[in-house]
Amino acid sequence: MIKVVLPELGEGIDKATVSYWYYQKTEKVKEKNDLVELTTDKATFNLPSPCSGRLIEIFFSEGDTVNIGETLAVIEEEA
């Protein structure tokens, strides 16, 4: 299981808002494909999938605020 964690985003930025999930729970994802769109006070960006596999858990819904270091989702890696 691979945790998708909100990474450091730059100086003075400590949170982001989930704008849009490109995949739903149980769907297959491919490494480096856009997984989720996030927005901060300064920018909107896409967070890519860290691996290929199945999205088995999403912890934050669209509109939710996520702090740096929090787990956004869990992917079951393909063997």
PDB file of N, CA and C in Angstrom:
ATOM      1  N   MET A   1       0.846  -1.182   0.000  1.00  0.00           N
ATOM      2  CA  MET A   1       0.000   0.000   0.000  1.00  0.00           C
ATOM      3  C   MET A   1       0.892   1.245   0.000  1.00  0.00           C
ATOM      4  N   ILE A   2       0.566   2.146  -0.890  1.00  0.00           N
ATOM      5  CA  ILE A   2       1.306   3.387  -1.008  1.00  0.00           C
ATOM      6  C   ILE A   2       0.397   4.536  -0.580  1.00  0.00           C
ATOM      7  N   LYS A   3       0.876   5.348   0.368  1.00  0.00           N
ATOM      8  CA  LYS A   3       0.127   6.513   0.809  1.00  0.00           C
ATOM      9  C   LYS A   3       0.449   7.686  -0.102  1.00  0.00           C
ATOM     10  N   VAL A   4      -0.598   8.400  -0.518  1.00  0.00           N
ATOM     11  CA  VAL A   4      -0.438   9.625  -1.289  1.00  0.00           C
ATOM     12  C   VAL A   4      -0.526  10.774  -0.291  1.00  0.00           C
ATOM     13  N   VAL A   5       0.608  11.442  -0.070  1.00  0.00           N
ATOM     14  CA  VAL A   5       0.717  12.466   0.963  1.00  0.00           C
ATOM     15  C   VAL A   5       0.876  13.838   0.320  1.00  0.00           C
ATOM     16  N   LEU A   6       0.252  14.844   0.913  1.00  0.00           N
ATOM     17  CA  LEU A   6       0.422  16.209   0.419  1.00  0.00           C
ATOM     18  C   LEU A   6       1.845  16.654   0.725  1.00  0.00           C
ATOM     19  N   PRO A   7       2.642  16.923  -0.328  1.00  0.00           N
ATOM     20  CA  PRO A   7       4.050  17.278  -0.114  1.00  0.00           C
ATOM     21  C   PRO A   7       4.219  18.736   0.292  1.00  0.00           C
ATOM     22  N   GLU A   8       5.456  19.100   0.650  1.00  0.00           N
ATOM     23  CA  GLU A   8       5.803  20.505   0.887  1.00  0.00           C
ATOM     24  C   GLU A   8       5.503  21.275  -0.394  1.00  0.00           C
ATOM     25  N   LEU A   9       4.901  22.442  -0.269  1.00  0.00           N
ATOM     26  CA  LEU A   9       4.476  23.195  -1.446  1.00  0.00           C
ATOM     27  C   LEU A   9       5.225  24.506  -1.628  1.00  0.00           C
ATOM     28  N   GLY A  10       6.055  24.858  -0.700  1.00  0.00           N
ATOM     29  CA  GLY A  10       6.785  26.118  -0.800  1.00  0.00           C
ATOM     30  C   GLY A  10       6.675  26.897   0.492  1.00  0.00           C
ATOM     31  N   GLU A  11       7.516  27.895   0.582  1.00  0.00           N
ATOM     32  CA  GLU A  11       7.596  28.696   1.793  1.00  0.00           C
ATOM     33  C   GLU A  11       6.276  29.402   2.085  1.00  0.00           C
ATOM     34  N   GLY A  12       5.807  29.255   3.300  1.00  0.00           N
ATOM     35  CA  GLY A  12       4.592  29.940   3.722  1.00  0.00           C
ATOM     36  C   GLY A  12       3.298  29.237   3.341  1.00  0.00           C
ATOM     37  N   ILE A  13       3.385  28.102   2.639  1.00  0.00           N
ATOM     38  CA  ILE A  13       2.179  27.369   2.268  1.00  0.00           C
ATOM     39  C   ILE A  13       2.091  26.125   3.134  1.00  0.00           C
ATOM     40  N   ASP A  14       1.022  26.028   3.923  1.00  0.00           N
ATOM     41  CA  ASP A  14       0.915  24.886   4.843  1.00  0.00           C
ATOM     42  C   ASP A  14      -0.332  24.034   4.622  1.00  0.00           C
ATOM     43  N   LYS A  15      -1.135  24.414   3.608  1.00  0.00           N
ATOM     44  CA  LYS A  15      -2.341  23.633   3.324  1.00  0.00           C
ATOM     45  C   LYS A  15      -2.784  23.869   1.884  1.00  0.00           C
ATOM     46  N   ALA A  16      -3.662  22.977   1.430  1.00  0.00           N
ATOM     47  CA  ALA A  16      -4.245  23.098   0.091  1.00  0.00           C
ATOM     48  C   ALA A  16      -5.675  22.584   0.152  1.00  0.00           C
ATOM     49  N   THR A  17      -6.467  22.962  -0.825  1.00  0.00           N
ATOM     50  CA  THR A  17      -7.856  22.519  -0.915  1.00  0.00           C
ATOM     51  C   THR A  17      -7.998  21.562  -2.086  1.00  0.00           C
ATOM     52  N   VAL A  18      -8.683  20.444  -1.850  1.00  0.00           N
ATOM     53  CA  VAL A  18      -8.933  19.472  -2.921  1.00  0.00           C
ATOM     54  C   VAL A  18      -9.957  20.082  -3.870  1.00  0.00           C
ATOM     55  N   SER A  19      -9.562  20.214  -5.150  1.00  0.00           N
ATOM     56  CA  SER A  19     -10.473  20.778  -6.156  1.00  0.00           C
ATOM     57  C   SER A  19     -11.217  19.683  -6.901  1.00  0.00           C
ATOM     58  N   TYR A  20     -10.468  18.624  -7.277  1.00  0.00           N
ATOM     59  CA  TYR A  20     -11.067  17.616  -8.148  1.00  0.00           C
ATOM     60  C   TYR A  20     -10.265  16.312  -8.108  1.00  0.00           C
ATOM     61  N   TRP A  21     -10.933  15.197  -7.942  1.00  0.00           N
ATOM     62  CA  TRP A  21     -10.301  13.875  -8.048  1.00  0.00           C
ATOM     63  C   TRP A  21     -10.489  13.376  -9.471  1.00  0.00           C
ATOM     64  N   TYR A  22      -9.413  12.982 -10.115  1.00  0.00           N
ATOM     65  CA  TYR A  22      -9.482  12.457 -11.489  1.00  0.00           C
ATOM     66  C   TYR A  22      -9.937  11.002 -11.516  1.00  0.00           C
ATOM     67  N   TYR A  23      -9.841  10.325 -10.383  1.00  0.00           N
ATOM     68  CA  TYR A  23     -10.244   8.923 -10.282  1.00  0.00           C
ATOM     69  C   TYR A  23     -11.148   8.750  -9.071  1.00  0.00           C
ATOM     70  N   GLN A  24     -11.973   7.729  -9.114  1.00  0.00           N
ATOM     71  CA  GLN A  24     -12.844   7.382  -7.991  1.00  0.00           C
ATOM     72  C   GLN A  24     -12.263   6.166  -7.271  1.00  0.00           C
ATOM     73  N   LYS A  25     -12.724   5.949  -6.045  1.00  0.00           N
ATOM     74  CA  LYS A  25     -12.307   4.785  -5.270  1.00  0.00           C
ATOM     75  C   LYS A  25     -12.555   3.511  -6.082  1.00  0.00           C
ATOM     76  N   THR A  26     -11.618   2.605  -6.037  1.00  0.00           N
ATOM     77  CA  THR A  26     -11.570   1.290  -6.705  1.00  0.00           C
ATOM     78  C   THR A  26     -11.085   1.361  -8.154  1.00  0.00           C
ATOM     79  N   GLU A  27     -10.927   2.553  -8.721  1.00  0.00           N
ATOM     80  CA  GLU A  27     -10.444   2.650 -10.100  1.00  0.00           C
ATOM     81  C   GLU A  27      -8.931   2.421 -10.169  1.00  0.00           C
ATOM     82  N   LYS A  28      -8.485   1.917 -11.320  1.00  0.00           N
ATOM     83  CA  LYS A  28      -7.056   1.734 -11.550  1.00  0.00           C
ATOM     84  C   LYS A  28      -6.431   3.060 -11.946  1.00  0.00           C
ATOM     85  N   VAL A  29      -5.236   3.311 -11.423  1.00  0.00           N
ATOM     86  CA  VAL A  29      -4.483   4.520 -11.752  1.00  0.00           C
ATOM     87  C   VAL A  29      -3.126   4.118 -12.314  1.00  0.00           C
ATOM     88  N   LYS A  30      -2.557   5.002 -13.090  1.00  0.00           N
ATOM     89  CA  LYS A  30      -1.234   4.760 -13.655  1.00  0.00           C
ATOM     90  C   LYS A  30      -0.241   5.741 -13.054  1.00  0.00           C
ATOM     91  N   GLU A  31       0.969   5.258 -12.802  1.00  0.00           N
ATOM     92  CA  GLU A  31       2.024   6.093 -12.248  1.00  0.00           C
ATOM     93  C   GLU A  31       2.216   7.338 -13.105  1.00  0.00           C
ATOM     94  N   LYS A  32       2.346   8.472 -12.458  1.00  0.00           N
ATOM     95  CA  LYS A  32       2.587   9.789 -13.050  1.00  0.00           C
ATOM     96  C   LYS A  32       1.361  10.422 -13.704  1.00  0.00           C
ATOM     97  N   ASN A  33       0.237   9.716 -13.775  1.00  0.00           N
ATOM     98  CA  ASN A  33      -0.999  10.348 -14.258  1.00  0.00           C
ATOM     99  C   ASN A  33      -1.546  11.254 -13.155  1.00  0.00           C
ATOM    100  N   ASP A  34      -2.216  12.336 -13.552  1.00  0.00           N
ATOM    101  CA  ASP A  34      -2.807  13.238 -12.558  1.00  0.00           C
ATOM    102  C   ASP A  34      -3.824  12.478 -11.718  1.00  0.00           C
ATOM    103  N   LEU A  35      -3.690  12.597 -10.403  1.00  0.00           N
ATOM    104  CA  LEU A  35      -4.563  11.898  -9.470  1.00  0.00           C
ATOM    105  C   LEU A  35      -5.590  12.858  -8.871  1.00  0.00           C
ATOM    106  N   VAL A  36      -5.093  14.034  -8.453  1.00  0.00           N
ATOM    107  CA  VAL A  36      -5.961  15.001  -7.777  1.00  0.00           C
ATOM    108  C   VAL A  36      -5.487  16.418  -8.092  1.00  0.00           C
ATOM    109  N   GLU A  37      -6.461  17.331  -8.239  1.00  0.00           N
ATOM    110  CA  GLU A  37      -6.149  18.748  -8.429  1.00  0.00           C
ATOM    111  C   GLU A  37      -6.298  19.440  -7.082  1.00  0.00           C
ATOM    112  N   LEU A  38      -5.304  20.250  -6.741  1.00  0.00           N
ATOM    113  CA  LEU A  38      -5.288  20.965  -5.468  1.00  0.00           C
ATOM    114  C   LEU A  38      -5.104  22.455  -5.710  1.00  0.00           C
ATOM    115  N   THR A  39      -5.634  23.260  -4.788  1.00  0.00           N
ATOM    116  CA  THR A  39      -5.529  24.712  -4.898  1.00  0.00           C
ATOM    117  C   THR A  39      -4.978  25.281  -3.602  1.00  0.00           C
ATOM    118  N   THR A  40      -4.048  26.240  -3.730  1.00  0.00           N
ATOM    119  CA  THR A  40      -3.560  26.991  -2.571  1.00  0.00           C
ATOM    120  C   THR A  40      -3.934  28.456  -2.790  1.00  0.00           C
ATOM    121  N   ASP A  41      -3.507  29.320  -1.873  1.00  0.00           N
ATOM    122  CA  ASP A  41      -3.760  30.752  -2.041  1.00  0.00           C
ATOM    123  C   ASP A  41      -3.068  31.293  -3.284  1.00  0.00           C
ATOM    124  N   LYS A  42      -1.987  30.614  -3.703  1.00  0.00           N
ATOM    125  CA  LYS A  42      -1.157  31.149  -4.778  1.00  0.00           C
ATOM    126  C   LYS A  42      -1.286  30.422  -6.117  1.00  0.00           C
ATOM    127  N   ALA A  43      -1.724  29.154  -6.115  1.00  0.00           N
ATOM    128  CA  ALA A  43      -1.711  28.398  -7.365  1.00  0.00           C
ATOM    129  C   ALA A  43      -2.658  27.199  -7.324  1.00  0.00           C
ATOM    130  N   THR A  44      -2.943  26.681  -8.513  1.00  0.00           N
ATOM    131  CA  THR A  44      -3.666  25.419  -8.677  1.00  0.00           C
ATOM    132  C   THR A  44      -2.710  24.457  -9.343  1.00  0.00           C
ATOM    133  N   PHE A  45      -2.649  23.225  -8.851  1.00  0.00           N
ATOM    134  CA  PHE A  45      -1.709  22.259  -9.409  1.00  0.00           C
ATOM    135  C   PHE A  45      -2.281  20.851  -9.309  1.00  0.00           C
ATOM    136  N   ASN A  46      -1.711  19.942 -10.105  1.00  0.00           N
ATOM    137  CA  ASN A  46      -2.105  18.534 -10.074  1.00  0.00           C
ATOM    138  C   ASN A  46      -1.045  17.725  -9.359  1.00  0.00           C
ATOM    139  N   LEU A  47      -1.493  16.782  -8.539  1.00  0.00           N
ATOM    140  CA  LEU A  47      -0.590  15.864  -7.864  1.00  0.00           C
ATOM    141  C   LEU A  47      -0.664  14.530  -8.602  1.00  0.00           C
ATOM    142  N   PRO A  48       0.472  14.049  -9.135  1.00  0.00           N
ATOM    143  CA  PRO A  48       0.449  12.795  -9.889  1.00  0.00           C
ATOM    144  C   PRO A  48       0.441  11.576  -8.974  1.00  0.00           C
ATOM    145  N   SER A  49      -0.001  10.463  -9.526  1.00  0.00           N
ATOM    146  CA  SER A  49       0.014   9.196  -8.793  1.00  0.00           C
ATOM    147  C   SER A  49       1.462   8.735  -8.625  1.00  0.00           C
ATOM    148  N   PRO A  50       1.849   8.326  -7.417  1.00  0.00           N
ATOM    149  CA  PRO A  50       3.229   7.875  -7.182  1.00  0.00           C
ATOM    150  C   PRO A  50       3.508   6.468  -7.708  1.00  0.00           C
ATOM    151  N   CYS A  51       2.454   5.745  -8.095  1.00  0.00           N
ATOM    152  CA  CYS A  51       2.627   4.375  -8.575  1.00  0.00           C
ATOM    153  C   CYS A  51       1.399   3.960  -9.379  1.00  0.00           C
ATOM    154  N   SER A  52       1.498   2.835 -10.053  1.00  0.00           N
ATOM    155  CA  SER A  52       0.337   2.254 -10.734  1.00  0.00           C
ATOM    156  C   SER A  52      -0.336   1.277  -9.785  1.00  0.00           C
ATOM    157  N   GLY A  53      -1.646   1.201  -9.847  1.00  0.00           N
ATOM    158  CA  GLY A  53      -2.386   0.292  -8.980  1.00  0.00           C
ATOM    159  C   GLY A  53      -3.843   0.684  -8.890  1.00  0.00           C
ATOM    160  N   ARG A  54      -4.484   0.279  -7.793  1.00  0.00           N
ATOM    161  CA  ARG A  54      -5.904   0.562  -7.590  1.00  0.00           C
ATOM    162  C   ARG A  54      -6.063   1.530  -6.422  1.00  0.00           C
ATOM    163  N   LEU A  55      -6.853   2.574  -6.655  1.00  0.00           N
ATOM    164  CA  LEU A  55      -7.146   3.568  -5.620  1.00  0.00           C
ATOM    165  C   LEU A  55      -8.130   2.933  -4.637  1.00  0.00           C
ATOM    166  N   ILE A  56      -7.657   2.613  -3.438  1.00  0.00           N
ATOM    167  CA  ILE A  56      -8.526   1.880  -2.512  1.00  0.00           C
ATOM    168  C   ILE A  56      -9.125   2.740  -1.403  1.00  0.00           C
ATOM    169  N   GLU A  57      -8.585   3.940  -1.197  1.00  0.00           N
ATOM    170  CA  GLU A  57      -9.137   4.800  -0.148  1.00  0.00           C
ATOM    171  C   GLU A  57      -8.876   6.255  -0.495  1.00  0.00           C
ATOM    172  N   ILE A  58      -9.880   7.106  -0.322  1.00  0.00           N
ATOM    173  CA  ILE A  58      -9.751   8.553  -0.469  1.00  0.00           C
ATOM    174  C   ILE A  58     -10.184   9.160   0.858  1.00  0.00           C
ATOM    175  N   PHE A  59      -9.307   9.959   1.472  1.00  0.00           N
ATOM    176  CA  PHE A  59      -9.576  10.492   2.803  1.00  0.00           C
ATOM    177  C   PHE A  59     -10.167  11.900   2.807  1.00  0.00           C
ATOM    178  N   PHE A  60     -10.035  12.634   1.695  1.00  0.00           N
ATOM    179  CA  PHE A  60     -10.545  14.003   1.628  1.00  0.00           C
ATOM    180  C   PHE A  60     -11.413  14.164   0.388  1.00  0.00           C
ATOM    181  N   SER A  61     -12.549  14.818   0.546  1.00  0.00           N
ATOM    182  CA  SER A  61     -13.470  15.064  -0.563  1.00  0.00           C
ATOM    183  C   SER A  61     -13.150  16.401  -1.220  1.00  0.00           C
ATOM    184  N   GLU A  62     -13.731  16.614  -2.386  1.00  0.00           N
ATOM    185  CA  GLU A  62     -13.581  17.895  -3.070  1.00  0.00           C
ATOM    186  C   GLU A  62     -14.109  18.996  -2.161  1.00  0.00           C
ATOM    187  N   GLY A  63     -13.316  20.058  -2.019  1.00  0.00           N
ATOM    188  CA  GLY A  63     -13.674  21.175  -1.138  1.00  0.00           C
ATOM    189  C   GLY A  63     -13.028  21.097   0.227  1.00  0.00           C
ATOM    190  N   ASP A  64     -12.486  19.933   0.594  1.00  0.00           N
ATOM    191  CA  ASP A  64     -11.825  19.772   1.892  1.00  0.00           C
ATOM    192  C   ASP A  64     -10.439  20.412   1.884  1.00  0.00           C
ATOM    193  N   THR A  65     -10.019  20.896   3.043  1.00  0.00           N
ATOM    194  CA  THR A  65      -8.679  21.453   3.216  1.00  0.00           C
ATOM    195  C   THR A  65      -7.767  20.388   3.806  1.00  0.00           C
ATOM    196  N   VAL A  66      -6.559  20.281   3.221  1.00  0.00           N
ATOM    197  CA  VAL A  66      -5.582  19.268   3.629  1.00  0.00           C
ATOM    198  C   VAL A  66      -4.309  19.978   4.068  1.00  0.00           C
ATOM    199  N   ASN A  67      -3.742  19.548   5.196  1.00  0.00           N
ATOM    200  CA  ASN A  67      -2.487  20.108   5.675  1.00  0.00           C
ATOM    201  C   ASN A  67      -1.304  19.341   5.091  1.00  0.00           C
ATOM    202  N   ILE A  68      -0.170  20.024   4.959  1.00  0.00           N
ATOM    203  CA  ILE A  68       1.057  19.401   4.473  1.00  0.00           C
ATOM    204  C   ILE A  68       1.344  18.154   5.320  1.00  0.00           C
ATOM    205  N   GLY A  69       1.679  17.048   4.657  1.00  0.00           N
ATOM    206  CA  GLY A  69       2.021  15.819   5.359  1.00  0.00           C
ATOM    207  C   GLY A  69       0.850  14.894   5.607  1.00  0.00           C
ATOM    208  N   GLU A  70      -0.386  15.370   5.388  1.00  0.00           N
ATOM    209  CA  GLU A  70      -1.547  14.497   5.587  1.00  0.00           C
ATOM    210  C   GLU A  70      -1.727  13.558   4.399  1.00  0.00           C
ATOM    211  N   THR A  71      -2.282  12.381   4.674  1.00  0.00           N
ATOM    212  CA  THR A  71      -2.522  11.388   3.634  1.00  0.00           C
ATOM    213  C   THR A  71      -3.823  11.692   2.909  1.00  0.00           C
ATOM    214  N   LEU A  72      -3.716  11.873   1.579  1.00  0.00           N
ATOM    215  CA  LEU A  72      -4.884  12.156   0.750  1.00  0.00           C
ATOM    216  C   LEU A  72      -5.602  10.879   0.355  1.00  0.00           C
ATOM    217  N   ALA A  73      -4.824   9.841   0.050  1.00  0.00           N
ATOM    218  CA  ALA A  73      -5.397   8.589  -0.468  1.00  0.00           C
ATOM    219  C   ALA A  73      -4.400   7.448  -0.273  1.00  0.00           C
ATOM    220  N   VAL A  74      -4.893   6.228  -0.533  1.00  0.00           N
ATOM    221  CA  VAL A  74      -4.039   5.042  -0.482  1.00  0.00           C
ATOM    222  C   VAL A  74      -4.232   4.271  -1.780  1.00  0.00           C
ATOM    223  N   ILE A  75      -3.102   3.836  -2.372  1.00  0.00           N
ATOM    224  CA  ILE A  75      -3.130   3.065  -3.604  1.00  0.00           C
ATOM    225  C   ILE A  75      -2.550   1.688  -3.325  1.00  0.00           C
ATOM    226  N   GLU A  76      -3.261   0.660  -3.775  1.00  0.00           N
ATOM    227  CA  GLU A  76      -2.743  -0.702  -3.685  1.00  0.00           C
ATOM    228  C   GLU A  76      -1.908  -0.916  -4.949  1.00  0.00           C
ATOM    229  N   GLU A  77      -0.601  -1.029  -4.760  1.00  0.00           N
ATOM    230  CA  GLU A  77       0.328  -1.113  -5.867  1.00  0.00           C
ATOM    231  C   GLU A  77       0.169  -2.384  -6.666  1.00  0.00           C
ATOM    232  N   GLU A  78       0.321  -2.287  -7.992  1.00  0.00           N
ATOM    233  CA  GLU A  78       0.262  -3.473  -8.843  1.00  0.00           C
ATOM    234  C   GLU A  78       1.520  -4.281  -8.652  1.00  0.00           C
ATOM    235  N   ALA A  79       1.359  -5.599  -8.674  1.00  0.00           N
ATOM    236  CA  ALA A  79       2.515  -6.491  -8.494  1.00  0.00           C
ATOM    237  C   ALA A  79       3.274  -6.650  -9.792  1.00  0.00           C
TER     238      ALA A  79
END
